[in-house]
């Protein structure tokens, strides 16, 4: 029988940071609401949660790096919405944000969860921020809790 390592979804005493892009806040506030509701449902108290607003998605990696380096947080959830426009600008933003957030997680050992929507239009974004396709803020918060607890089991 193989060894299986599987964690629970309880927050415990850990502190979490949520970085939210102010750009497209019609969408990102819904992502934030989903993340907060999820953390609370899994045992977090408000004093265990820190929300940091960023101007846009492009700034999320720098803030994540700063927060992760502080070692005050067990995990960081990055929330944003990059919606395709008439140019390819969104491609440059999406790739750099994803790479920057992953690099921060790898360099610091602090989980950084990707809750950044990369959609073709506003309808798709709203569907992923509490609409037909669920709430990616909720999913990122759940992943943060699970990553923190799994890493504890691996120590």
N, C-alpha and C. Protein backbone atom coordinates (compact mmCIF):
# COMPACT_ATOMS: atom_id res chain seq x y z
N UNK A 1 0.85 -1.18 0.00
CA UNK A 1 0.00 0.00 0.00
C UNK A 1 0.90 1.24 0.00
N UNK A 2 0.71 2.18 -0.93
CA UNK A 2 1.54 3.38 -0.96
C UNK A 2 1.19 4.32 0.19
N UNK A 3 2.16 5.12 0.57
CA UNK A 3 1.94 6.16 1.57
C UNK A 3 1.17 7.30 0.92
N UNK A 4 0.14 7.75 1.60
CA UNK A 4 -0.66 8.86 1.10
C UNK A 4 -0.58 10.00 2.10
N UNK A 5 -0.28 11.18 1.60
CA UNK A 5 -0.26 12.38 2.44
C UNK A 5 -1.39 13.27 1.98
N UNK A 6 -2.34 13.50 2.88
CA UNK A 6 -3.51 14.30 2.54
C UNK A 6 -3.86 15.16 3.74
N UNK A 7 -3.99 16.45 3.52
CA UNK A 7 -4.24 17.35 4.64
C UNK A 7 -5.73 17.66 4.80
N UNK A 8 -6.02 18.38 5.87
CA UNK A 8 -7.40 18.81 6.09
C UNK A 8 -7.58 20.23 5.56
N UNK A 9 -8.77 20.74 5.67
CA UNK A 9 -9.08 22.08 5.18
C UNK A 9 -9.48 23.01 6.33
N UNK A 10 -8.74 22.91 7.43
CA UNK A 10 -8.99 23.77 8.58
C UNK A 10 -7.87 24.79 8.70
N UNK A 11 -8.23 26.04 8.97
CA UNK A 11 -7.25 27.12 9.01
C UNK A 11 -6.33 27.04 10.21
N UNK A 12 -6.81 26.68 11.36
CA UNK A 12 -5.97 26.65 12.56
C UNK A 12 -5.57 28.06 12.96
N UNK A 13 -4.29 28.22 13.36
CA UNK A 13 -3.81 29.52 13.84
C UNK A 13 -3.06 30.32 12.78
N UNK A 14 -3.05 29.86 11.55
CA UNK A 14 -2.26 30.50 10.50
C UNK A 14 -2.88 31.82 10.06
N UNK A 15 -2.02 32.67 9.52
CA UNK A 15 -2.43 33.96 8.97
C UNK A 15 -2.26 33.91 7.45
N UNK A 16 -3.21 34.52 6.75
CA UNK A 16 -3.21 34.51 5.30
C UNK A 16 -3.32 35.95 4.78
N UNK A 17 -2.64 36.21 3.68
CA UNK A 17 -2.76 37.50 3.00
C UNK A 17 -3.53 37.29 1.70
N UNK A 18 -4.36 38.26 1.39
CA UNK A 18 -5.10 38.26 0.12
C UNK A 18 -4.75 39.56 -0.57
N UNK A 19 -4.13 39.45 -1.75
CA UNK A 19 -3.81 40.62 -2.55
C UNK A 19 -4.86 40.72 -3.64
N UNK A 20 -5.47 41.90 -3.78
CA UNK A 20 -6.57 42.08 -4.72
C UNK A 20 -6.27 43.24 -5.67
N UNK A 21 -6.41 42.98 -6.94
CA UNK A 21 -6.25 44.02 -7.95
C UNK A 21 -7.46 44.95 -7.93
N UNK A 22 -7.20 46.24 -7.84
CA UNK A 22 -8.28 47.23 -7.87
C UNK A 22 -8.85 47.38 -9.29
N UNK A 23 -8.02 47.13 -10.30
CA UNK A 23 -8.48 47.23 -11.69
C UNK A 23 -9.49 46.11 -11.94
N UNK A 24 -10.57 46.41 -12.57
CA UNK A 24 -11.69 45.47 -12.78
C UNK A 24 -12.32 45.06 -11.46
N UNK A 25 -12.49 46.03 -10.57
CA UNK A 25 -12.98 45.71 -9.22
C UNK A 25 -14.41 45.22 -9.19
N UNK A 26 -15.17 45.42 -10.24
CA UNK A 26 -16.49 44.80 -10.32
C UNK A 26 -16.36 43.28 -10.20
N UNK A 27 -15.30 42.77 -10.75
CA UNK A 27 -15.01 41.33 -10.71
C UNK A 27 -14.20 40.97 -9.47
N UNK A 28 -13.14 41.72 -9.19
CA UNK A 28 -12.22 41.32 -8.12
C UNK A 28 -12.85 41.40 -6.73
N UNK A 29 -13.79 42.31 -6.53
CA UNK A 29 -14.48 42.35 -5.23
C UNK A 29 -15.30 41.07 -5.00
N UNK A 30 -15.84 40.52 -6.05
CA UNK A 30 -16.57 39.26 -5.94
C UNK A 30 -15.61 38.10 -5.64
N UNK A 31 -14.44 38.14 -6.25
CA UNK A 31 -13.43 37.13 -5.94
C UNK A 31 -13.02 37.24 -4.47
N UNK A 32 -12.81 38.46 -4.01
CA UNK A 32 -12.45 38.69 -2.61
C UNK A 32 -13.55 38.19 -1.68
N UNK A 33 -14.80 38.49 -1.99
CA UNK A 33 -15.91 38.01 -1.16
C UNK A 33 -15.90 36.48 -1.06
N UNK A 34 -15.65 35.81 -2.18
CA UNK A 34 -15.58 34.35 -2.18
C UNK A 34 -14.44 33.83 -1.33
N UNK A 35 -13.28 34.48 -1.43
CA UNK A 35 -12.11 34.05 -0.64
C UNK A 35 -12.37 34.26 0.85
N UNK A 36 -12.89 35.43 1.22
CA UNK A 36 -13.15 35.71 2.63
C UNK A 36 -14.17 34.74 3.22
N UNK A 37 -15.24 34.52 2.50
CA UNK A 37 -16.27 33.58 2.96
C UNK A 37 -15.67 32.19 3.17
N UNK A 38 -14.82 31.78 2.27
CA UNK A 38 -14.21 30.45 2.36
C UNK A 38 -13.27 30.35 3.55
N UNK A 39 -12.41 31.34 3.72
CA UNK A 39 -11.51 31.31 4.89
C UNK A 39 -12.32 31.26 6.18
N UNK A 40 -13.34 32.07 6.29
CA UNK A 40 -14.16 32.08 7.50
C UNK A 40 -14.87 30.75 7.71
N UNK A 41 -15.40 30.19 6.63
CA UNK A 41 -16.11 28.91 6.73
C UNK A 41 -15.18 27.78 7.19
N UNK A 42 -13.89 27.95 6.95
CA UNK A 42 -12.92 26.91 7.32
C UNK A 42 -12.15 27.27 8.59
N UNK A 43 -12.69 28.23 9.34
CA UNK A 43 -12.18 28.48 10.69
C UNK A 43 -11.36 29.74 10.90
N UNK A 44 -11.15 30.54 9.87
CA UNK A 44 -10.35 31.76 10.05
C UNK A 44 -11.17 32.85 10.73
N UNK A 45 -10.50 33.56 11.60
CA UNK A 45 -11.08 34.75 12.20
C UNK A 45 -10.54 35.95 11.42
N UNK A 46 -11.25 37.06 11.46
CA UNK A 46 -10.84 38.22 10.67
C UNK A 46 -9.42 38.68 10.98
N UNK A 47 -8.99 38.53 12.23
CA UNK A 47 -7.63 38.97 12.58
C UNK A 47 -6.54 38.08 11.98
N UNK A 48 -6.93 36.96 11.39
CA UNK A 48 -5.97 36.08 10.71
C UNK A 48 -5.86 36.39 9.22
N UNK A 49 -6.64 37.35 8.76
CA UNK A 49 -6.69 37.68 7.34
C UNK A 49 -6.27 39.12 7.11
N UNK A 50 -5.37 39.31 6.16
CA UNK A 50 -4.92 40.65 5.78
C UNK A 50 -5.20 40.84 4.30
N UNK A 51 -5.88 41.93 3.97
CA UNK A 51 -6.20 42.25 2.58
C UNK A 51 -5.31 43.42 2.15
N UNK A 52 -4.66 43.25 1.02
CA UNK A 52 -3.81 44.29 0.45
C UNK A 52 -4.32 44.59 -0.96
N UNK A 53 -4.62 45.85 -1.22
CA UNK A 53 -5.11 46.24 -2.55
C UNK A 53 -3.93 46.64 -3.42
N UNK A 54 -3.95 46.17 -4.66
CA UNK A 54 -2.94 46.50 -5.66
C UNK A 54 -3.60 47.33 -6.76
N UNK A 55 -2.84 48.19 -7.44
CA UNK A 55 -3.44 48.97 -8.52
C UNK A 55 -4.01 48.08 -9.63
N UNK A 56 -3.27 47.05 -10.00
CA UNK A 56 -3.70 46.15 -11.07
C UNK A 56 -3.07 44.80 -10.90
N UNK A 57 -3.32 43.91 -11.84
CA UNK A 57 -2.78 42.56 -11.76
C UNK A 57 -1.26 42.55 -11.89
N UNK A 58 -0.72 43.45 -12.70
CA UNK A 58 0.73 43.47 -12.94
C UNK A 58 1.52 43.69 -11.65
N UNK A 59 0.92 44.36 -10.68
CA UNK A 59 1.59 44.65 -9.41
C UNK A 59 1.47 43.53 -8.38
N UNK A 60 0.66 42.53 -8.65
CA UNK A 60 0.47 41.44 -7.68
C UNK A 60 1.76 40.72 -7.32
N UNK A 61 2.63 40.37 -8.28
CA UNK A 61 3.86 39.64 -7.91
C UNK A 61 4.77 40.41 -6.96
N UNK A 62 4.92 41.71 -7.17
CA UNK A 62 5.80 42.48 -6.28
C UNK A 62 5.25 42.49 -4.86
N UNK A 63 3.95 42.69 -4.73
CA UNK A 63 3.35 42.67 -3.39
C UNK A 63 3.43 41.28 -2.77
N UNK A 64 3.22 40.25 -3.57
CA UNK A 64 3.34 38.87 -3.07
C UNK A 64 4.75 38.61 -2.56
N UNK A 65 5.75 39.07 -3.31
CA UNK A 65 7.14 38.89 -2.89
C UNK A 65 7.41 39.57 -1.56
N UNK A 66 6.91 40.77 -1.42
CA UNK A 66 7.11 41.52 -0.17
C UNK A 66 6.43 40.80 1.01
N UNK A 67 5.19 40.39 0.82
CA UNK A 67 4.45 39.72 1.89
C UNK A 67 5.07 38.37 2.23
N UNK A 68 5.45 37.61 1.22
CA UNK A 68 6.05 36.30 1.47
C UNK A 68 7.38 36.43 2.20
N UNK A 69 8.16 37.42 1.83
CA UNK A 69 9.47 37.64 2.47
C UNK A 69 9.33 38.04 3.93
N UNK A 70 8.20 38.61 4.30
CA UNK A 70 7.99 39.02 5.69
C UNK A 70 7.84 37.83 6.62
N UNK A 71 7.50 36.67 6.07
CA UNK A 71 7.28 35.43 6.84
C UNK A 71 6.15 35.56 7.86
N UNK A 72 5.26 36.54 7.68
CA UNK A 72 4.13 36.72 8.58
C UNK A 72 2.91 35.89 8.16
N UNK A 73 2.95 35.38 6.93
CA UNK A 73 1.78 34.71 6.39
C UNK A 73 2.11 33.29 5.97
N UNK A 74 1.18 32.39 6.25
CA UNK A 74 1.37 30.99 5.85
C UNK A 74 1.17 30.82 4.36
N UNK A 75 0.33 31.65 3.76
CA UNK A 75 0.08 31.62 2.32
C UNK A 75 -0.47 32.96 1.87
N UNK A 76 -0.37 33.18 0.57
CA UNK A 76 -0.85 34.42 -0.04
C UNK A 76 -1.76 34.05 -1.19
N UNK A 77 -2.91 34.69 -1.25
CA UNK A 77 -3.85 34.49 -2.35
C UNK A 77 -3.84 35.76 -3.20
N UNK A 78 -3.54 35.62 -4.48
CA UNK A 78 -3.52 36.76 -5.40
C UNK A 78 -4.77 36.72 -6.26
N UNK A 79 -5.55 37.79 -6.22
CA UNK A 79 -6.80 37.86 -6.96
C UNK A 79 -6.77 39.02 -7.96
N UNK A 80 -7.17 38.74 -9.17
CA UNK A 80 -7.21 39.78 -10.19
C UNK A 80 -8.08 39.33 -11.35
N UNK A 81 -8.26 40.24 -12.30
CA UNK A 81 -9.02 39.93 -13.51
C UNK A 81 -8.40 40.70 -14.67
N UNK A 82 -7.84 39.94 -15.60
CA UNK A 82 -7.27 40.53 -16.81
C UNK A 82 -8.20 40.13 -17.95
N UNK A 83 -8.85 41.12 -18.53
CA UNK A 83 -9.85 40.86 -19.56
C UNK A 83 -9.30 41.32 -20.91
N UNK A 84 -9.38 40.43 -21.87
CA UNK A 84 -8.85 40.72 -23.21
C UNK A 84 -9.50 41.95 -23.81
N UNK A 85 -8.68 42.79 -24.38
CA UNK A 85 -9.20 43.96 -25.08
C UNK A 85 -8.95 43.81 -26.57
N UNK A 86 -8.78 44.93 -27.23
CA UNK A 86 -8.59 44.91 -28.68
C UNK A 86 -7.14 44.63 -29.09
N UNK A 87 -6.21 44.67 -28.13
CA UNK A 87 -4.80 44.41 -28.43
C UNK A 87 -4.35 43.15 -27.70
N UNK A 88 -3.08 42.83 -27.82
CA UNK A 88 -2.52 41.65 -27.13
C UNK A 88 -1.94 42.01 -25.76
N UNK A 89 -2.23 43.18 -25.28
CA UNK A 89 -1.71 43.65 -23.98
C UNK A 89 -1.95 42.63 -22.87
N UNK A 90 -3.13 42.01 -22.87
CA UNK A 90 -3.48 41.05 -21.82
C UNK A 90 -2.50 39.88 -21.77
N UNK A 91 -1.99 39.44 -22.92
CA UNK A 91 -1.04 38.32 -22.95
C UNK A 91 0.22 38.66 -22.17
N UNK A 92 0.73 39.85 -22.35
CA UNK A 92 1.95 40.26 -21.65
C UNK A 92 1.71 40.32 -20.15
N UNK A 93 0.58 40.84 -19.75
CA UNK A 93 0.24 40.93 -18.33
C UNK A 93 0.08 39.53 -17.74
N UNK A 94 -0.73 38.69 -18.36
CA UNK A 94 -1.03 37.36 -17.82
C UNK A 94 0.23 36.53 -17.62
N UNK A 95 1.09 36.49 -18.62
CA UNK A 95 2.29 35.66 -18.51
C UNK A 95 3.23 36.15 -17.41
N UNK A 96 3.40 37.45 -17.32
CA UNK A 96 4.30 37.99 -16.29
C UNK A 96 3.74 37.82 -14.89
N UNK A 97 2.44 37.99 -14.74
CA UNK A 97 1.82 37.81 -13.42
C UNK A 97 1.95 36.36 -12.97
N UNK A 98 1.60 35.44 -13.85
CA UNK A 98 1.70 34.01 -13.49
C UNK A 98 3.14 33.63 -13.15
N UNK A 99 4.08 34.05 -13.97
CA UNK A 99 5.49 33.71 -13.72
C UNK A 99 5.99 34.34 -12.42
N UNK A 100 5.61 35.60 -12.19
CA UNK A 100 6.07 36.29 -10.98
C UNK A 100 5.52 35.66 -9.71
N UNK A 101 4.26 35.29 -9.73
CA UNK A 101 3.67 34.66 -8.54
C UNK A 101 4.29 33.29 -8.28
N UNK A 102 4.51 32.52 -9.33
CA UNK A 102 5.14 31.20 -9.16
C UNK A 102 6.57 31.35 -8.64
N UNK A 103 7.30 32.31 -9.19
CA UNK A 103 8.69 32.52 -8.75
C UNK A 103 8.72 32.87 -7.26
N UNK A 104 7.80 33.72 -6.83
CA UNK A 104 7.74 34.09 -5.41
C UNK A 104 7.52 32.87 -4.54
N UNK A 105 6.59 32.02 -4.93
CA UNK A 105 6.32 30.81 -4.14
C UNK A 105 7.55 29.91 -4.10
N UNK A 106 8.21 29.74 -5.22
CA UNK A 106 9.37 28.85 -5.27
C UNK A 106 10.55 29.42 -4.48
N UNK A 107 10.77 30.71 -4.57
CA UNK A 107 11.91 31.33 -3.90
C UNK A 107 11.73 31.45 -2.39
N UNK A 108 10.50 31.65 -1.94
CA UNK A 108 10.27 31.88 -0.51
C UNK A 108 9.77 30.65 0.23
N UNK A 109 9.22 29.69 -0.49
CA UNK A 109 8.61 28.54 0.15
C UNK A 109 7.22 28.82 0.70
N UNK A 110 6.72 30.02 0.50
CA UNK A 110 5.38 30.40 0.94
C UNK A 110 4.42 30.17 -0.23
N UNK A 111 3.37 29.40 -0.04
CA UNK A 111 2.42 29.20 -1.15
C UNK A 111 1.80 30.53 -1.60
N UNK A 112 1.80 30.73 -2.91
CA UNK A 112 1.16 31.89 -3.52
C UNK A 112 0.15 31.34 -4.51
N UNK A 113 -1.12 31.55 -4.24
CA UNK A 113 -2.17 30.95 -5.04
C UNK A 113 -2.65 31.91 -6.12
N UNK A 114 -2.86 31.35 -7.30
CA UNK A 114 -3.21 32.12 -8.49
C UNK A 114 -4.73 32.20 -8.64
N UNK A 115 -5.30 33.31 -8.22
CA UNK A 115 -6.72 33.55 -8.38
C UNK A 115 -6.95 34.70 -9.35
N UNK A 116 -6.16 34.71 -10.42
CA UNK A 116 -6.25 35.77 -11.42
C UNK A 116 -7.02 35.23 -12.62
N UNK A 117 -8.12 35.86 -12.92
CA UNK A 117 -8.92 35.45 -14.07
C UNK A 117 -8.27 35.99 -15.35
N UNK A 118 -8.25 35.17 -16.37
CA UNK A 118 -7.71 35.57 -17.67
C UNK A 118 -8.80 35.28 -18.70
N UNK A 119 -9.66 36.25 -18.89
CA UNK A 119 -10.89 36.02 -19.67
C UNK A 119 -10.94 36.85 -20.94
N UNK A 120 -11.76 36.37 -21.87
CA UNK A 120 -11.95 37.07 -23.13
C UNK A 120 -12.87 38.27 -23.00
N UNK A 121 -13.79 38.22 -22.03
CA UNK A 121 -14.75 39.33 -21.89
C UNK A 121 -15.27 39.39 -20.45
N UNK A 122 -16.01 40.45 -20.17
CA UNK A 122 -16.53 40.68 -18.82
C UNK A 122 -17.50 39.58 -18.39
N UNK A 123 -18.32 39.09 -19.31
CA UNK A 123 -19.27 38.03 -18.96
C UNK A 123 -18.54 36.78 -18.45
N UNK A 124 -17.47 36.39 -19.14
CA UNK A 124 -16.69 35.24 -18.68
C UNK A 124 -16.13 35.49 -17.29
N UNK A 125 -15.62 36.69 -17.06
CA UNK A 125 -15.05 37.02 -15.75
C UNK A 125 -16.10 36.96 -14.66
N UNK A 126 -17.26 37.54 -14.90
CA UNK A 126 -18.32 37.51 -13.89
C UNK A 126 -18.81 36.09 -13.62
N UNK A 127 -18.82 35.26 -14.64
CA UNK A 127 -19.20 33.85 -14.45
C UNK A 127 -18.22 33.12 -13.54
N UNK A 128 -16.96 33.54 -13.55
CA UNK A 128 -15.92 32.89 -12.74
C UNK A 128 -15.73 33.58 -11.39
N UNK A 129 -16.49 34.63 -11.17
CA UNK A 129 -16.41 35.38 -9.92
C UNK A 129 -17.73 35.29 -9.17
N UNK A 130 -18.28 34.09 -9.13
CA UNK A 130 -19.51 33.88 -8.39
C UNK A 130 -20.70 33.57 -9.26
N UNK A 131 -20.51 33.49 -10.56
CA UNK A 131 -21.60 33.19 -11.48
C UNK A 131 -21.68 31.71 -11.79
N UNK A 132 -22.01 31.39 -13.03
CA UNK A 132 -22.22 30.00 -13.47
C UNK A 132 -21.02 29.09 -13.26
N UNK A 133 -19.83 29.66 -13.34
CA UNK A 133 -18.61 28.84 -13.27
C UNK A 133 -18.01 28.82 -11.87
N UNK A 134 -18.76 29.20 -10.86
CA UNK A 134 -18.25 29.19 -9.49
C UNK A 134 -17.50 30.47 -9.17
N UNK A 135 -16.67 30.41 -8.15
CA UNK A 135 -15.90 31.58 -7.74
C UNK A 135 -14.45 31.16 -7.58
N UNK A 136 -13.59 31.70 -8.42
CA UNK A 136 -12.16 31.35 -8.38
C UNK A 136 -11.49 31.88 -7.12
N UNK A 137 -12.07 32.89 -6.49
CA UNK A 137 -11.56 33.35 -5.19
C UNK A 137 -11.75 32.29 -4.13
N UNK A 138 -12.89 31.63 -4.17
CA UNK A 138 -13.17 30.51 -3.27
C UNK A 138 -12.17 29.39 -3.50
N UNK A 139 -11.95 29.05 -4.76
CA UNK A 139 -11.02 27.96 -5.09
C UNK A 139 -9.60 28.29 -4.65
N UNK A 140 -9.17 29.54 -4.83
CA UNK A 140 -7.81 29.92 -4.43
C UNK A 140 -7.65 29.87 -2.92
N UNK A 141 -8.67 30.29 -2.18
CA UNK A 141 -8.61 30.23 -0.71
C UNK A 141 -8.54 28.79 -0.23
N UNK A 142 -9.34 27.91 -0.80
CA UNK A 142 -9.29 26.49 -0.44
C UNK A 142 -7.91 25.90 -0.73
N UNK A 143 -7.36 26.25 -1.88
CA UNK A 143 -6.03 25.75 -2.24
C UNK A 143 -4.98 26.27 -1.26
N UNK A 144 -5.12 27.51 -0.82
CA UNK A 144 -4.17 28.07 0.15
C UNK A 144 -4.20 27.29 1.46
N UNK A 145 -5.39 27.02 1.95
CA UNK A 145 -5.52 26.26 3.20
C UNK A 145 -4.91 24.86 3.05
N UNK A 146 -5.23 24.21 1.95
CA UNK A 146 -4.71 22.87 1.73
C UNK A 146 -3.20 22.85 1.58
N UNK A 147 -2.64 23.81 0.84
CA UNK A 147 -1.19 23.86 0.67
C UNK A 147 -0.47 24.07 2.01
N UNK A 148 -0.97 24.97 2.82
CA UNK A 148 -0.36 25.23 4.12
C UNK A 148 -0.35 23.95 4.96
N UNK A 149 -1.48 23.27 5.01
CA UNK A 149 -1.57 22.06 5.82
C UNK A 149 -0.77 20.90 5.24
N UNK A 150 -0.71 20.80 3.93
CA UNK A 150 0.10 19.75 3.31
C UNK A 150 1.58 19.99 3.57
N UNK A 151 2.02 21.22 3.44
CA UNK A 151 3.44 21.52 3.70
C UNK A 151 3.82 21.20 5.14
N UNK A 152 2.90 21.43 6.07
CA UNK A 152 3.16 21.07 7.48
C UNK A 152 3.36 19.58 7.62
N UNK A 153 2.56 18.79 6.91
CA UNK A 153 2.69 17.33 6.98
C UNK A 153 4.00 16.82 6.38
N UNK A 154 4.54 17.57 5.44
CA UNK A 154 5.77 17.16 4.77
C UNK A 154 7.03 17.50 5.56
N UNK A 155 6.89 18.32 6.60
CA UNK A 155 8.07 18.71 7.41
C UNK A 155 8.51 17.58 8.30
